[in-house]
Amino acid sequence: MNTVDVRPELFRWARERGGLDIAVLKKRFPKLEAWERGEAKPSMAQLENFAKFTHAPIGFLFLPSPPVEAIPIPDFRRMSGERPQRPGADLLDVIYLCQQRQDWFRDYAQTSAEPRRVFVGSARLGDDPLAVAADIGARLGFDLEGRARLPSWTEALRRFIEEVDAIGVLVMVSGVVGSNTRRVLDPREFRGFALSDDLAPLVFVNGADSKAAQMFTLAHELAHLWLGQSALSDASLLESSSVEVERWCDRVAVELLVPMESFRNDYDPEADRGDEAARLARRYKVSSLVILRRMRDGGGLDREAFVRAYEEELGHLREVTRAGGGDFYRSLGARVGKTFARAVVLSTLEGRSSFTDAFRMLGFKKMSTFTELSRSLGLAF
């Protein structure tokens, strides 16, 4: 059997990059430990299978040393105690995929004479977060009372996404990489990111997070777009970030979702804190963490009490999400966004894009799926 030369450290790099335990990989590749020690070499077929299983670009396995992969957008996450120093394959692949979709849509928008999204880059870091939140809300037609009447967080998030989509932002919500349900995204690594562009602004929200948490992530990433800034975020509410822009985006997001003036009228500081947080979370259709932050902002909680309550509630929410098996959107329309899906279908039906390219960008392989998607979007086919 012909074998190929691969540096032993590259096997370890691919395994760690994919977040895979060696015990798991050994079941599929019994000689892996020998490969990592340089005592054995794989065949080309074995190496191709290894690259596919670990989601590593096979060309990288022929490099003289492990590559240093940098996240291609500014990284403002602050969960350094929980996330690995090296970006995982799932995170990188999701960013690369969204960048490819954004590039395609930018070309489509230019060809179709789409208008520039004038709100992108319309704010500055020194602007009042309350004023910026008011501007975002006005552009979205954000109806606080209408949201309060919705029956669930799922419906509230769907409405919010529709409003953002309507102003020309590509909103993609998924808990997996592409359409691969075996590659579930970890909210502890990231909650979302923004790719700024005045023709094709894009927000990705980690759909493996709770619906209520996704509301805040979407609002936070919108604030980044208003700054005209691409960013990878964890969208935390604990006020622990040392990065000024993240604190600013958090303030914009929380004001957009729960305006302080409205909150002061609704909040009963004499009520049980847990019951009141749950009640107000239901009213505003946001995470209870957002409500705790508003209690802190409004003087209902001091710093120590806020941190303690936040950590307790965060632990509870993680258990709920874990028990629910990962509460994320599974539909194609949510994964790629309605505006993007409609543009790809139209371009394909008009002969400007091939079906092969459409299937690749939309993440499926069957013509029947394309037909069904076309009909759901109201496009004749």
Protein backbone atom coordinates (compact mmCIF):
# COMPACT_ATOMS: atom_id res chain seq x y z
CA MET A 1 0.00 0.00 0.00
CA ASN A 2 1.36 3.41 -0.98
CA THR A 3 1.60 5.85 1.93
CA VAL A 4 1.95 9.61 2.17
CA ASP A 5 4.31 11.66 4.31
CA VAL A 6 2.58 13.87 6.87
CA ARG A 7 4.25 15.61 9.79
CA PRO A 8 3.07 13.95 13.03
CA GLU A 9 2.16 17.28 14.62
CA LEU A 10 -0.33 17.96 11.82
CA PHE A 11 -2.46 15.00 12.91
CA ARG A 12 -2.60 16.47 16.41
CA TRP A 13 -3.38 19.92 14.98
CA ALA A 14 -6.30 18.60 12.92
CA ARG A 15 -7.67 16.62 15.86
CA GLU A 16 -7.52 19.55 18.27
CA ARG A 17 -8.83 22.01 15.66
CA GLY A 18 -11.87 19.81 15.17
CA GLY A 19 -12.44 19.55 18.93
CA LEU A 20 -12.26 15.74 18.71
CA ASP A 21 -11.08 13.38 21.41
CA ILE A 22 -8.41 10.91 20.40
CA ALA A 23 -10.45 8.04 21.85
CA VAL A 24 -13.28 8.87 19.43
CA LEU A 25 -10.96 9.15 16.45
CA LYS A 26 -9.15 5.88 17.26
CA LYS A 27 -12.36 3.94 16.63
CA ARG A 28 -12.32 5.18 13.04
CA PHE A 29 -8.54 5.43 12.60
CA PRO A 30 -6.91 2.66 14.71
CA LYS A 31 -3.38 3.74 13.77
CA LEU A 32 -3.87 7.39 14.72
CA GLU A 33 -1.58 7.27 17.75
CA ALA A 34 1.14 5.71 15.59
CA TRP A 35 0.60 8.46 13.00
CA GLU A 36 0.94 11.10 15.71
CA ARG A 37 4.18 9.52 16.93
CA GLY A 38 5.57 9.26 13.40
CA GLU A 39 5.76 5.47 13.63
CA ALA A 40 3.32 4.83 10.77
CA LYS A 41 2.00 6.60 7.70
CA PRO A 42 -1.51 6.69 6.24
CA SER A 43 -2.54 5.90 2.71
CA MET A 44 -3.93 8.73 0.60
CA ALA A 45 -7.45 7.35 1.05
CA GLN A 46 -6.98 7.20 4.82
CA LEU A 47 -5.66 10.76 4.88
CA GLU A 48 -8.63 12.00 2.84
CA ASN A 49 -11.03 10.30 5.25
CA PHE A 50 -9.16 11.75 8.22
CA ALA A 51 -9.32 15.27 6.77
CA LYS A 52 -13.04 14.91 6.06
CA PHE A 53 -13.80 13.55 9.52
CA THR A 54 -11.84 16.30 11.30
CA HIS A 55 -13.09 19.03 8.91
CA ALA A 56 -9.50 20.01 8.10
CA PRO A 57 -8.56 21.28 4.62
CA ILE A 58 -6.53 18.39 3.24
CA GLY A 59 -3.94 20.72 1.74
CA PHE A 60 -3.04 21.92 5.23
CA LEU A 61 -1.96 18.38 6.15
CA PHE A 62 0.93 18.62 3.69
CA LEU A 63 2.36 21.78 5.25
CA PRO A 64 5.75 21.61 7.02
CA SER A 65 4.16 22.77 10.29
CA PRO A 66 0.67 23.41 11.68
CA PRO A 67 -0.83 26.62 10.30
CA VAL A 68 -1.88 29.49 12.54
CA GLU A 69 -5.47 30.24 11.59
CA ALA A 70 -6.64 33.68 12.55
CA ILE A 71 -10.31 34.54 12.86
CA PRO A 72 -10.94 36.67 9.75
CA ILE A 73 -12.98 39.36 11.56
CA PRO A 74 -12.34 41.35 14.77
CA ASP A 75 -12.82 39.07 17.79
CA PHE A 76 -14.50 40.85 20.72
CA ARG A 77 -15.49 37.78 22.71
CA ARG A 78 -14.73 37.88 26.41
CA MET A 79 -15.39 34.31 27.56
CA SER A 80 -11.68 33.58 27.76
CA GLY A 81 -12.11 31.26 30.73
CA GLU A 82 -14.34 28.90 28.75
CA ARG A 83 -13.35 29.02 25.10
CA PRO A 84 -10.18 27.46 23.62
CA GLN A 85 -7.33 29.69 22.56
CA ARG A 86 -7.46 28.25 19.04
CA PRO A 87 -10.63 28.92 17.01
CA GLY A 88 -12.51 25.70 16.32
CA ALA A 89 -13.22 24.30 12.88
CA ASP A 90 -16.97 24.84 13.30
CA LEU A 91 -16.59 28.54 14.09
CA LEU A 92 -14.14 29.16 11.24
CA ASP A 93 -16.24 27.27 8.71
CA VAL A 94 -19.40 29.18 9.64
CA ILE A 95 -17.62 32.53 9.21
CA TYR A 96 -16.10 31.45 5.87
CA LEU A 97 -19.49 30.21 4.65
CA CYS A 98 -21.21 33.47 5.57
CA GLN A 99 -18.45 35.50 3.92
CA GLN A 100 -18.96 33.51 0.70
CA ARG A 101 -22.71 34.15 0.86
CA GLN A 102 -22.13 37.83 1.52
CA ASP A 103 -19.74 38.10 -1.44
CA TRP A 104 -22.33 36.48 -3.71
CA PHE A 105 -25.13 38.74 -2.50
CA ARG A 106 -23.00 41.88 -2.89
CA ASP A 107 -22.45 41.02 -6.56
CA TYR A 108 -26.16 40.27 -6.94
CA ALA A 109 -27.12 43.56 -5.28
CA GLN A 110 -24.80 45.54 -7.55
CA THR A 111 -26.16 43.85 -10.66
CA SER A 112 -29.73 44.39 -9.48
CA ALA A 113 -29.10 48.06 -8.59
CA GLU A 114 -30.04 47.47 -4.95
CA PRO A 115 -29.87 50.62 -2.79
CA ARG A 116 -27.09 51.12 -0.27
CA ARG A 117 -28.06 50.44 3.35
CA VAL A 118 -27.47 53.95 4.64
CA PHE A 119 -27.75 52.90 8.29
CA VAL A 120 -24.53 50.87 8.03
CA GLY A 121 -21.84 53.02 9.59
CA SER A 122 -24.32 55.78 10.50
CA ALA A 123 -23.32 55.75 14.20
CA ARG A 124 -20.11 56.52 16.05
CA LEU A 125 -18.81 55.05 19.27
CA GLY A 126 -19.24 58.38 21.03
CA ASP A 127 -22.95 58.56 20.16
CA ASP A 128 -25.57 58.18 22.88
CA PRO A 129 -26.59 54.47 22.95
CA LEU A 130 -30.19 55.48 23.76
CA ALA A 131 -30.38 57.64 20.63
CA VAL A 132 -28.89 54.90 18.46
CA ALA A 133 -31.31 52.34 19.92
CA ALA A 134 -34.17 54.71 19.12
CA ASP A 135 -32.94 55.05 15.53
CA ILE A 136 -32.71 51.28 15.11
CA GLY A 137 -36.17 50.82 16.59
CA ALA A 138 -37.64 53.50 14.29
CA ARG A 139 -36.14 51.92 11.18
CA LEU A 140 -37.40 48.49 12.19
CA GLY A 141 -40.85 49.69 13.17
CA PHE A 142 -40.15 47.96 16.48
CA ASP A 143 -43.52 47.61 18.25
CA LEU A 144 -42.94 46.94 21.94
CA GLU A 145 -46.60 46.36 22.79
CA GLY A 146 -47.09 44.15 19.75
CA ARG A 147 -44.14 42.01 20.83
CA ALA A 148 -45.54 41.72 24.35
CA ARG A 149 -48.75 40.24 22.94
CA LEU A 150 -46.96 37.50 21.01
CA PRO A 151 -47.50 34.04 22.55
CA SER A 152 -43.85 32.89 22.71
CA TRP A 153 -40.19 33.79 22.43
CA THR A 154 -40.10 31.86 19.15
CA GLU A 155 -42.76 34.10 17.62
CA ALA A 156 -41.07 37.21 18.99
CA LEU A 157 -37.73 36.19 17.51
CA ARG A 158 -39.34 35.38 14.17
CA ARG A 159 -40.99 38.80 14.10
CA PHE A 160 -37.72 40.51 15.04
CA ILE A 161 -35.86 38.68 12.25
CA GLU A 162 -38.53 39.65 9.73
CA GLU A 163 -38.21 43.31 10.74
CA VAL A 164 -34.42 43.23 10.40
CA ASP A 165 -34.65 41.36 7.10
CA ALA A 166 -37.08 43.99 5.76
CA ILE A 167 -34.50 46.80 6.07
CA GLY A 168 -31.96 44.86 4.02
CA VAL A 169 -29.89 42.94 6.58
CA LEU A 170 -29.14 39.32 5.76
CA VAL A 171 -30.08 37.45 8.95
CA MET A 172 -28.91 33.86 9.24
CA VAL A 173 -29.83 31.77 12.28
CA SER A 174 -28.47 28.27 12.65
CA GLY A 175 -27.27 25.93 15.35
CA VAL A 176 -25.19 23.83 12.94
CA VAL A 177 -22.46 24.32 10.35
CA GLY A 178 -24.20 24.69 7.00
CA SER A 179 -26.79 21.93 6.93
CA ASN A 180 -24.67 19.36 8.78
CA THR A 181 -26.70 18.45 11.86
CA ARG A 182 -23.72 16.54 13.27
CA ARG A 183 -21.74 19.76 13.61
CA VAL A 184 -23.67 21.53 16.35
CA LEU A 185 -22.40 24.99 17.27
CA ASP A 186 -21.48 25.72 20.88
CA PRO A 187 -22.95 28.97 22.30
CA ARG A 188 -20.14 28.97 24.86
CA GLU A 189 -17.67 29.57 22.02
CA PHE A 190 -19.65 32.32 20.30
CA ARG A 191 -23.18 33.68 20.12
CA GLY A 192 -23.08 35.58 16.87
CA PHE A 193 -21.20 37.84 14.51
CA ALA A 194 -21.73 40.74 12.14
CA LEU A 195 -20.24 41.19 8.67
CA SER A 196 -20.49 44.87 7.81
CA ASP A 197 -21.17 45.98 4.24
CA ASP A 198 -23.42 48.76 2.97
CA LEU A 199 -24.84 46.54 0.21
CA ALA A 200 -24.87 43.18 1.94
CA PRO A 201 -24.81 43.62 5.74
CA LEU A 202 -25.04 40.22 7.41
CA VAL A 203 -25.76 39.01 10.94
CA PHE A 204 -25.29 35.41 12.01
CA VAL A 205 -26.95 34.24 15.24
CA ASN A 206 -25.98 30.96 16.91
CA GLY A 207 -29.28 29.07 16.87
CA ALA A 208 -28.05 26.55 19.44
CA ASP A 209 -28.61 29.26 22.06
CA SER A 210 -32.02 29.84 23.64
CA LYS A 211 -34.57 31.86 21.65
CA ALA A 212 -34.58 34.60 24.29
CA ALA A 213 -30.77 34.86 24.17
CA GLN A 214 -30.87 35.02 20.36
CA MET A 215 -33.01 38.18 20.63
CA PHE A 216 -30.21 39.94 22.46
CA THR A 217 -27.51 38.62 20.13
CA LEU A 218 -29.35 39.93 17.07
CA ALA A 219 -29.81 43.34 18.70
CA HIS A 220 -26.13 43.42 19.74
CA GLU A 221 -24.90 42.60 16.22
CA LEU A 222 -27.20 45.25 14.74
CA ALA A 223 -25.38 47.79 16.88
CA HIS A 224 -22.11 46.66 15.28
CA LEU A 225 -23.61 47.22 11.82
CA TRP A 226 -24.71 50.72 12.84
CA LEU A 227 -21.04 51.33 13.64
CA GLY A 228 -20.07 49.88 10.25
CA GLN A 229 -17.99 47.23 11.96
CA SER A 230 -17.60 43.49 11.47
CA ALA A 231 -17.29 41.65 14.78
CA LEU A 232 -17.38 38.26 16.47
CA SER A 233 -19.21 38.48 19.79
CA ASP A 234 -20.41 36.54 22.78
CA ALA A 235 -22.91 39.30 23.58
CA SER A 236 -22.61 39.00 27.35
CA LEU A 237 -24.57 41.20 29.75
CA LEU A 238 -22.27 40.94 32.74
CA GLU A 239 -20.50 44.25 32.05
CA SER A 240 -17.17 42.42 32.27
CA SER A 241 -15.80 43.37 28.87
CA SER A 242 -12.72 45.56 28.78
CA VAL A 243 -13.56 46.46 25.17
CA GLU A 244 -15.39 49.77 24.90
CA VAL A 245 -17.20 48.89 21.69
CA GLU A 246 -18.73 45.77 23.26
CA ARG A 247 -20.00 47.71 26.25
CA TRP A 248 -21.50 50.27 23.87
CA CYS A 249 -23.19 47.61 21.72
CA ASP A 250 -24.57 45.94 24.85
CA ARG A 251 -26.09 49.25 25.97
CA VAL A 252 -27.66 49.81 22.56
CA ALA A 253 -29.04 46.26 22.46
CA VAL A 254 -30.56 46.29 25.92
CA GLU A 255 -32.15 49.70 25.33
CA LEU A 256 -33.59 48.53 22.01
CA LEU A 257 -35.14 45.43 23.56
CA VAL A 258 -36.15 46.87 26.95
CA PRO A 259 -36.29 50.69 26.88
CA MET A 260 -35.50 52.07 30.31
CA GLU A 261 -38.47 54.43 30.32
CA SER A 262 -40.86 51.55 29.72
CA PHE A 263 -39.01 49.31 32.17
CA ARG A 264 -39.28 51.82 35.01
CA ASN A 265 -43.04 51.89 34.53
CA ASP A 266 -43.30 48.08 34.53
CA TYR A 267 -40.77 47.12 37.20
CA ASP A 268 -41.90 46.44 40.78
CA PRO A 269 -38.78 46.59 42.97
CA GLU A 270 -40.77 45.26 45.96
CA ALA A 271 -41.69 42.00 44.21
CA ASP A 272 -39.68 38.78 44.50
CA ARG A 273 -36.68 39.24 42.22
CA GLY A 274 -36.96 35.84 40.53
CA ASP A 275 -40.68 36.14 39.93
CA GLU A 276 -40.34 39.70 38.68
CA ALA A 277 -37.50 38.77 36.31
CA ALA A 278 -39.57 35.91 34.89
CA ARG A 279 -42.65 38.14 34.49
CA LEU A 280 -40.79 40.92 32.73
CA ALA A 281 -38.88 38.44 30.54
CA ARG A 282 -42.24 37.12 29.34
CA ARG A 283 -43.55 40.62 28.72
CA TYR A 284 -40.55 41.85 26.72
CA LYS A 285 -39.79 38.42 25.21
CA VAL A 286 -36.13 38.60 26.16
CA SER A 287 -33.78 36.53 28.28
CA SER A 288 -34.12 36.93 32.03
CA LEU A 289 -30.45 37.98 31.88
CA VAL A 290 -31.51 41.11 29.98
CA ILE A 291 -34.07 41.87 32.69
CA LEU A 292 -31.45 41.43 35.41
CA ARG A 293 -29.24 43.88 33.51
CA ARG A 294 -32.11 46.40 33.40
CA MET A 295 -32.64 45.93 37.14
CA ARG A 296 -28.96 46.72 37.60
CA ASP A 297 -29.15 49.75 35.27
CA GLY A 298 -32.26 51.02 37.06
CA GLY A 299 -30.73 50.75 40.52
CA GLY A 300 -32.70 47.70 41.64
CA LEU A 301 -29.55 45.57 42.07
CA ASP A 302 -26.10 46.51 43.29
CA ARG A 303 -23.04 45.13 41.51
CA GLU A 304 -22.52 42.16 43.85
CA ALA A 305 -26.17 41.10 43.80
CA PHE A 306 -26.31 41.48 40.02
CA VAL A 307 -23.27 39.27 39.43
CA ARG A 308 -24.58 36.62 41.80
CA ALA A 309 -28.06 36.61 40.25
CA TYR A 310 -26.62 36.66 36.73
CA GLU A 311 -24.38 33.63 37.32
CA GLU A 312 -27.23 31.67 38.93
CA GLU A 313 -29.61 32.43 36.09
CA LEU A 314 -26.98 31.71 33.44
CA GLY A 315 -26.41 28.27 34.93
CA HIS A 316 -30.15 27.62 34.93
CA LEU A 317 -30.54 28.68 31.30
CA ARG A 318 -27.68 26.43 30.21
CA GLU A 319 -29.31 23.46 31.89
CA VAL A 320 -32.62 24.22 30.19
CA THR A 321 -30.98 24.50 26.78
CA ARG A 322 -28.97 21.29 27.33
CA ALA A 323 -32.03 19.38 28.47
CA GLY A 324 -33.91 20.58 25.40
CA GLY A 325 -31.28 19.16 23.08
CA GLY A 326 -30.28 22.54 21.67
CA ASP A 327 -33.12 24.87 20.81
CA PHE A 328 -32.31 26.05 17.32
CA TYR A 329 -33.94 26.71 13.97
CA ARG A 330 -33.80 23.78 11.58
CA SER A 331 -35.58 25.31 8.58
CA LEU A 332 -33.66 26.32 5.50
CA GLY A 333 -35.25 29.76 5.45
CA ALA A 334 -33.89 30.57 8.89
CA ARG A 335 -30.44 29.12 8.23
CA VAL A 336 -29.73 31.26 5.16
CA GLY A 337 -32.23 34.09 5.61
CA LYS A 338 -35.29 34.90 3.51
CA THR A 339 -33.68 37.74 1.55
CA PHE A 340 -30.64 35.65 0.63
CA ALA A 341 -32.71 32.58 -0.28
CA ARG A 342 -35.04 34.65 -2.46
CA ALA A 343 -32.12 36.29 -4.27
CA VAL A 344 -30.43 32.94 -4.99
CA VAL A 345 -33.67 31.37 -6.26
CA LEU A 346 -34.46 34.37 -8.49
CA SER A 347 -30.94 34.50 -9.88
CA THR A 348 -31.09 30.79 -10.67
CA LEU A 349 -34.53 30.93 -12.30
CA GLU A 350 -33.37 33.86 -14.43
CA GLY A 351 -30.31 31.90 -15.57
CA ARG A 352 -27.75 34.17 -13.90
CA SER A 353 -26.65 31.47 -11.44
CA SER A 354 -26.30 27.74 -11.99
CA PHE A 355 -28.30 25.21 -10.04
CA THR A 356 -25.00 23.76 -8.82
CA ASP A 357 -24.00 27.10 -7.29
CA ALA A 358 -27.48 27.57 -5.83
CA PHE A 359 -27.44 24.16 -4.15
CA ARG A 360 -23.98 24.86 -2.74
CA MET A 361 -24.90 28.27 -1.31
CA LEU A 362 -28.25 27.13 0.06
CA GLY A 363 -26.87 23.93 1.54
CA PHE A 364 -28.85 21.12 -0.09
CA LYS A 365 -28.51 18.70 -3.00
CA LYS A 366 -32.01 17.85 -4.20
CA MET A 367 -33.99 19.56 -6.94
CA SER A 368 -37.18 18.84 -5.02
CA THR A 369 -35.89 20.97 -2.15
CA PHE A 370 -35.21 23.85 -4.53
CA THR A 371 -38.72 23.54 -5.95
CA GLU A 372 -40.28 23.50 -2.49
CA LEU A 373 -38.22 26.51 -1.41
CA SER A 374 -39.22 28.44 -4.54
CA ARG A 375 -42.90 27.86 -3.80
CA SER A 376 -42.54 28.80 -0.14
CA LEU A 377 -41.01 32.12 -1.23
CA GLY A 378 -43.90 32.79 -3.59
CA LEU A 379 -41.81 32.36 -6.75
CA ALA A 380 -43.28 30.55 -9.73
CA PHE A 381 -41.37 27.46 -10.82
